């Protein structure tokens, strides 16, 4: 299985960083110009972007990528999977949160991916790693 991991320190408490990264709208800032919209709310009215929620990503009216939140462990971990994509066999995203100090949080973002076409996985993962690294740097500055 091909995978990548990006680690980033945020100069903010774990609850603030978790709150930021648990909202689908945050990814509009992190991964602009890619647009992210929630198309299905979670069953928890207090956390509409939580467990079971579905987001779509793309540009303008074309948002072919769908992800579903499969696990939310507050201030610890978020997991999601890609759904309804015939080109990808397996795609799991895992975002882990660790308090380094009361005002510093380490975020580890891991993606496992296997495309149906050979050699495509590594190309997609390289692009995702670059986008996540740049996006997390942008977000870390916004919460500092």
C-alpha atoms as a PDB file:
ATOM      1  CA  UNK A   1       0.000   0.000   0.000  1.00  0.00           C
ATOM      2  CA  UNK A   2       1.330   3.422  -0.932  1.00  0.00           C
ATOM      3  CA  UNK A   3       1.118   6.143   1.691  1.00  0.00           C
ATOM      4  CA  UNK A   4       2.379   9.576   2.693  1.00  0.00           C
ATOM      5  CA  UNK A   5       2.597  11.384   6.003  1.00  0.00           C
ATOM      6  CA  UNK A   6       2.852  15.103   6.682  1.00  0.00           C
ATOM      7  CA  UNK A   7       3.693  16.397  10.164  1.00  0.00           C
ATOM      8  CA  UNK A   8       3.106  20.005  11.188  1.00  0.00           C
ATOM      9  CA  UNK A   9       3.358  21.843  14.490  1.00  0.00           C
ATOM     10  CA  UNK A  10       0.675  24.430  15.224  1.00  0.00           C
ATOM     11  CA  UNK A  11       1.254  27.129  17.849  1.00  0.00           C
ATOM     12  CA  UNK A  12      -2.187  26.682  19.353  1.00  0.00           C
ATOM     13  CA  UNK A  13      -3.882  24.419  21.918  1.00  0.00           C
ATOM     14  CA  UNK A  14      -5.018  20.989  20.735  1.00  0.00           C
ATOM     15  CA  UNK A  15      -8.737  21.800  21.057  1.00  0.00           C
ATOM     16  CA  UNK A  16      -8.365  24.853  18.810  1.00  0.00           C
ATOM     17  CA  UNK A  17      -6.385  22.928  16.164  1.00  0.00           C
ATOM     18  CA  UNK A  18      -8.814  19.999  16.266  1.00  0.00           C
ATOM     19  CA  UNK A  19     -11.779  22.359  15.920  1.00  0.00           C
ATOM     20  CA  UNK A  20     -10.134  24.015  12.908  1.00  0.00           C
ATOM     21  CA  UNK A  21      -9.263  20.769  11.099  1.00  0.00           C
ATOM     22  CA  UNK A  22     -12.568  19.062  11.865  1.00  0.00           C
ATOM     23  CA  UNK A  23     -14.514  21.588   9.772  1.00  0.00           C
ATOM     24  CA  UNK A  24     -14.858  20.952   6.056  1.00  0.00           C
ATOM     25  CA  UNK A  25     -14.823  24.707   5.292  1.00  0.00           C
ATOM     26  CA  UNK A  26     -11.250  24.945   6.648  1.00  0.00           C
ATOM     27  CA  UNK A  27     -10.030  23.010   3.629  1.00  0.00           C
ATOM     28  CA  UNK A  28     -11.274  25.799   1.334  1.00  0.00           C
ATOM     29  CA  UNK A  29      -8.549  27.951   2.909  1.00  0.00           C
ATOM     30  CA  UNK A  30      -5.887  25.259   3.122  1.00  0.00           C
ATOM     31  CA  UNK A  31      -6.306  23.898  -0.390  1.00  0.00           C
ATOM     32  CA  UNK A  32      -7.530  26.941  -2.348  1.00  0.00           C
ATOM     33  CA  UNK A  33      -8.480  27.111  -5.179  1.00  0.00           C
ATOM     34  CA  UNK A  34      -9.983  23.654  -4.525  1.00  0.00           C
ATOM     35  CA  UNK A  35     -13.468  24.082  -3.103  1.00  0.00           C
ATOM     36  CA  UNK A  36     -14.894  21.835  -0.397  1.00  0.00           C
ATOM     37  CA  UNK A  37     -18.603  21.653   0.477  1.00  0.00           C
ATOM     38  CA  UNK A  38     -20.499  19.464   2.918  1.00  0.00           C
ATOM     39  CA  UNK A  39     -23.243  17.573   1.071  1.00  0.00           C
ATOM     40  CA  UNK A  40     -24.436  15.407   3.969  1.00  0.00           C
ATOM     41  CA  UNK A  41     -24.521  16.362   7.639  1.00  0.00           C
ATOM     42  CA  UNK A  42     -23.415  13.986  10.368  1.00  0.00           C
ATOM     43  CA  UNK A  43     -25.999  12.594  12.748  1.00  0.00           C
ATOM     44  CA  UNK A  44     -24.624  14.870  15.512  1.00  0.00           C
ATOM     45  CA  UNK A  45     -26.369  18.267  15.204  1.00  0.00           C
ATOM     46  CA  UNK A  46     -23.596  19.877  17.287  1.00  0.00           C
ATOM     47  CA  UNK A  47     -20.933  18.688  14.840  1.00  0.00           C
ATOM     48  CA  UNK A  48     -22.415  18.686  11.303  1.00  0.00           C
ATOM     49  CA  UNK A  49     -18.977  17.945   9.785  1.00  0.00           C
ATOM     50  CA  UNK A  50     -18.529  14.943  12.108  1.00  0.00           C
ATOM     51  CA  UNK A  51     -19.026  11.194  11.859  1.00  0.00           C
ATOM     52  CA  UNK A  52     -20.923  10.143   8.737  1.00  0.00           C
ATOM     53  CA  UNK A  53     -20.797  13.547   7.058  1.00  0.00           C
ATOM     54  CA  UNK A  54     -19.850  13.673   3.391  1.00  0.00           C
ATOM     55  CA  UNK A  55     -17.908  16.415   1.613  1.00  0.00           C
ATOM     56  CA  UNK A  56     -17.367  17.004  -2.096  1.00  0.00           C
ATOM     57  CA  UNK A  57     -14.267  18.644  -3.567  1.00  0.00           C
ATOM     58  CA  UNK A  58     -13.452  20.191  -6.887  1.00  0.00           C
ATOM     59  CA  UNK A  59     -13.683  23.437  -8.809  1.00  0.00           C
ATOM     60  CA  UNK A  60     -16.812  25.506  -9.361  1.00  0.00           C
ATOM     61  CA  UNK A  61     -19.831  23.318 -10.069  1.00  0.00           C
ATOM     62  CA  UNK A  62     -17.630  20.272 -10.794  1.00  0.00           C
ATOM     63  CA  UNK A  63     -16.810  18.470  -7.548  1.00  0.00           C
ATOM     64  CA  UNK A  64     -16.164  14.814  -8.404  1.00  0.00           C
ATOM     65  CA  UNK A  65     -14.276  13.828  -5.235  1.00  0.00           C
ATOM     66  CA  UNK A  66     -16.395  12.629  -2.310  1.00  0.00           C
ATOM     67  CA  UNK A  67     -15.096  11.810   1.158  1.00  0.00           C
ATOM     68  CA  UNK A  68     -16.974  10.449   4.154  1.00  0.00           C
ATOM     69  CA  UNK A  69     -15.894  10.948   7.768  1.00  0.00           C
ATOM     70  CA  UNK A  70     -15.594   7.475   9.314  1.00  0.00           C
ATOM     71  CA  UNK A  71     -14.147   8.269  12.753  1.00  0.00           C
ATOM     72  CA  UNK A  72     -14.036  11.287  15.051  1.00  0.00           C
ATOM     73  CA  UNK A  73     -12.183  10.989  18.357  1.00  0.00           C
ATOM     74  CA  UNK A  74     -12.254  14.547  19.703  1.00  0.00           C
ATOM     75  CA  UNK A  75      -8.796  16.133  20.083  1.00  0.00           C
ATOM     76  CA  UNK A  76      -7.172  12.836  19.040  1.00  0.00           C
ATOM     77  CA  UNK A  77      -8.061  11.571  15.560  1.00  0.00           C
ATOM     78  CA  UNK A  78     -10.199  12.049  12.453  1.00  0.00           C
ATOM     79  CA  UNK A  79     -10.473   9.426   9.707  1.00  0.00           C
ATOM     80  CA  UNK A  80     -12.185   9.587   6.347  1.00  0.00           C
ATOM     81  CA  UNK A  81     -12.464   7.498   3.205  1.00  0.00           C
ATOM     82  CA  UNK A  82     -12.925   8.312  -0.448  1.00  0.00           C
ATOM     83  CA  UNK A  83     -16.287   7.086  -1.738  1.00  0.00           C
ATOM     84  CA  UNK A  84     -17.817   6.538  -5.171  1.00  0.00           C
ATOM     85  CA  UNK A  85     -14.569   6.873  -7.126  1.00  0.00           C
ATOM     86  CA  UNK A  86     -14.077   4.199  -9.806  1.00  0.00           C
ATOM     87  CA  UNK A  87     -10.406   5.182 -10.351  1.00  0.00           C
ATOM     88  CA  UNK A  88      -9.317   4.561  -6.754  1.00  0.00           C
ATOM     89  CA  UNK A  89      -9.398   1.137  -5.056  1.00  0.00           C
ATOM     90  CA  UNK A  90      -8.446   2.340  -1.579  1.00  0.00           C
ATOM     91  CA  UNK A  91      -8.079   5.788  -0.004  1.00  0.00           C
ATOM     92  CA  UNK A  92      -8.029   6.456   3.729  1.00  0.00           C
ATOM     93  CA  UNK A  93      -7.074   9.728   5.409  1.00  0.00           C
ATOM     94  CA  UNK A  94      -6.023   9.834   9.060  1.00  0.00           C
ATOM     95  CA  UNK A  95      -5.400  13.080  10.948  1.00  0.00           C
ATOM     96  CA  UNK A  96      -3.868  12.630  14.400  1.00  0.00           C
ATOM     97  CA  UNK A  97      -3.470  15.319  17.064  1.00  0.00           C
ATOM     98  CA  UNK A  98      -0.893  15.389  19.879  1.00  0.00           C
ATOM     99  CA  UNK A  99      -0.423  18.123  22.491  1.00  0.00           C
ATOM    100  CA  UNK A 100       3.290  18.949  22.697  1.00  0.00           C
ATOM    101  CA  UNK A 101       2.721  21.724  25.248  1.00  0.00           C
ATOM    102  CA  UNK A 102      -0.496  23.449  26.353  1.00  0.00           C
ATOM    103  CA  UNK A 103      -0.108  25.877  23.423  1.00  0.00           C
ATOM    104  CA  UNK A 104       1.563  23.696  20.793  1.00  0.00           C
ATOM    105  CA  UNK A 105      -0.018  20.830  18.833  1.00  0.00           C
ATOM    106  CA  UNK A 106       1.555  18.296  16.492  1.00  0.00           C
ATOM    107  CA  UNK A 107      -0.668  17.175  13.628  1.00  0.00           C
ATOM    108  CA  UNK A 108       0.156  14.020  11.662  1.00  0.00           C
ATOM    109  CA  UNK A 109      -1.788  13.584   8.433  1.00  0.00           C
ATOM    110  CA  UNK A 110      -1.451  10.164   6.796  1.00  0.00           C
ATOM    111  CA  UNK A 111      -3.014   9.107   3.503  1.00  0.00           C
ATOM    112  CA  UNK A 112      -3.086   5.559   2.175  1.00  0.00           C
ATOM    113  CA  UNK A 113      -3.971   5.268  -1.487  1.00  0.00           C
ATOM    114  CA  UNK A 114      -4.161   2.607  -4.153  1.00  0.00           C
ATOM    115  CA  UNK A 115      -5.314   3.600  -7.617  1.00  0.00           C
ATOM    116  CA  UNK A 116      -6.683   1.084 -10.104  1.00  0.00           C
ATOM    117  CA  UNK A 117      -4.134   2.077 -12.770  1.00  0.00           C
ATOM    118  CA  UNK A 118      -0.511   1.093 -12.100  1.00  0.00           C
ATOM    119  CA  UNK A 119       1.960   3.843 -11.087  1.00  0.00           C
ATOM    120  CA  UNK A 120      -0.810   6.436 -10.625  1.00  0.00           C
ATOM    121  CA  UNK A 121      -0.862   6.107  -6.822  1.00  0.00           C
ATOM    122  CA  UNK A 122       2.623   7.549  -6.326  1.00  0.00           C
ATOM    123  CA  UNK A 123       1.865  10.507  -8.598  1.00  0.00           C
ATOM    124  CA  UNK A 124      -1.375  11.324  -6.772  1.00  0.00           C
ATOM    125  CA  UNK A 125       0.297  10.941  -3.372  1.00  0.00           C
ATOM    126  CA  UNK A 126       3.179  13.241  -4.372  1.00  0.00           C
ATOM    127  CA  UNK A 127       0.672  15.932  -5.373  1.00  0.00           C
ATOM    128  CA  UNK A 128      -1.326  15.442  -2.157  1.00  0.00           C
ATOM    129  CA  UNK A 129       1.809  15.664  -0.008  1.00  0.00           C
ATOM    130  CA  UNK A 130       2.767  18.974  -1.598  1.00  0.00           C
ATOM    131  CA  UNK A 131      -0.767  20.370  -1.254  1.00  0.00           C
ATOM    132  CA  UNK A 132      -1.083  19.274   2.401  1.00  0.00           C
ATOM    133  CA  UNK A 133       2.369  20.615   3.315  1.00  0.00           C
ATOM    134  CA  UNK A 134       1.569  24.015   1.792  1.00  0.00           C
ATOM    135  CA  UNK A 135      -1.993  24.050   3.159  1.00  0.00           C
ATOM    136  CA  UNK A 136      -0.927  23.166   6.704  1.00  0.00           C
ATOM    137  CA  UNK A 137       1.751  25.874   6.634  1.00  0.00           C
ATOM    138  CA  UNK A 138      -0.921  28.386   5.662  1.00  0.00           C
ATOM    139  CA  UNK A 139      -3.286  27.174   8.413  1.00  0.00           C
ATOM    140  CA  UNK A 140      -0.527  27.138  11.061  1.00  0.00           C
ATOM    141  CA  UNK A 141       0.158  30.818  10.358  1.00  0.00           C
ATOM    142  CA  UNK A 142      -3.543  31.636  10.648  1.00  0.00           C
ATOM    143  CA  UNK A 143      -3.856  30.206  14.182  1.00  0.00           C
ATOM    144  CA  UNK A 144      -0.530  31.431  15.585  1.00  0.00           C
END
